[in-house]
């Protein structure tokens, strides 16, 4: 029996989709940036430099630190 990309047969995938649908769920597709691409790395570097060179770098870092500590609590 042919297998899909995830390694499941078409029949297994169909049953899985039917079960999930019966639970009131529906599939969606989400596109996210490719963090492996050179363009992503360049843009991330550009943005990090902009933040590091900001006149408000200390206030921004204080906010990030406070938000991080709040998540840990």
Protein backbone atom coordinates (compact mmCIF):
# COMPACT_ATOMS: atom_id res chain seq x y z
CA UNK A 1 0.00 0.00 0.00
CA UNK A 2 1.41 3.46 -0.86
CA UNK A 3 2.62 5.55 2.03
CA UNK A 4 2.24 9.30 2.54
CA UNK A 5 5.09 11.63 3.53
CA UNK A 6 4.51 10.97 7.23
CA UNK A 7 4.99 7.23 6.78
CA UNK A 8 1.29 6.35 7.11
CA UNK A 9 -0.62 4.52 4.43
CA UNK A 10 -3.38 6.43 2.67
CA UNK A 11 -5.98 4.34 4.54
CA UNK A 12 -4.37 5.06 7.93
CA UNK A 13 -4.22 8.75 7.14
CA UNK A 14 -7.86 8.75 6.09
CA UNK A 15 -8.93 7.04 9.33
CA UNK A 16 -6.85 9.50 11.34
CA UNK A 17 -8.47 12.45 9.58
CA UNK A 18 -11.93 10.93 10.17
CA UNK A 19 -11.19 10.46 13.91
CA UNK A 20 -9.91 14.00 14.28
CA UNK A 21 -12.93 15.37 12.39
CA UNK A 22 -15.24 13.42 14.71
CA UNK A 23 -13.59 15.24 17.61
CA UNK A 24 -14.58 18.55 16.03
CA UNK A 25 -11.10 19.33 14.72
CA UNK A 26 -10.08 20.37 11.23
CA UNK A 27 -6.69 20.41 9.55
CA UNK A 28 -4.91 23.63 8.75
CA UNK A 29 -1.63 24.40 7.04
CA UNK A 30 0.74 26.93 8.58
CA UNK A 31 3.70 28.45 6.73
CA UNK A 32 6.55 29.68 8.88
CA UNK A 33 9.88 31.32 8.04
CA UNK A 34 12.62 28.90 7.05
CA UNK A 35 15.14 29.52 9.81
CA UNK A 36 17.74 27.54 7.83
CA UNK A 37 17.83 30.05 4.96
CA UNK A 38 20.59 32.60 4.47
CA UNK A 39 17.97 35.32 3.99
CA UNK A 40 16.47 34.56 7.41
CA UNK A 41 19.89 34.64 9.07
CA UNK A 42 20.72 37.99 7.44
CA UNK A 43 17.43 39.54 8.53
CA UNK A 44 17.72 38.17 12.10
CA UNK A 45 21.25 39.59 12.31
CA UNK A 46 20.09 42.96 10.94
CA UNK A 47 17.32 43.14 13.52
CA UNK A 48 19.55 42.10 16.41
CA UNK A 49 22.05 44.81 15.49
CA UNK A 50 19.24 47.38 15.33
CA UNK A 51 18.12 46.41 18.84
CA UNK A 52 21.68 46.38 20.20
CA UNK A 53 22.34 49.86 18.79
CA UNK A 54 19.06 51.32 20.03
CA UNK A 55 19.17 54.25 22.41
CA UNK A 56 16.65 52.31 24.53
CA UNK A 57 18.58 49.03 24.62
CA UNK A 58 18.74 48.95 28.43
CA UNK A 59 15.03 49.68 28.91
CA UNK A 60 14.17 47.08 26.28
CA UNK A 61 16.35 44.44 27.96
CA UNK A 62 14.87 45.26 31.36
CA UNK A 63 11.40 44.68 29.94
CA UNK A 64 12.45 41.36 28.35
CA UNK A 65 14.08 40.23 31.59
CA UNK A 66 10.95 41.12 33.59
CA UNK A 67 8.71 39.27 31.15
CA UNK A 68 11.01 36.24 31.27
CA UNK A 69 10.97 36.19 35.07
CA UNK A 70 7.17 36.45 35.05
CA UNK A 71 6.97 33.32 32.88
CA UNK A 72 9.22 31.42 35.29
CA UNK A 73 7.03 32.27 38.31
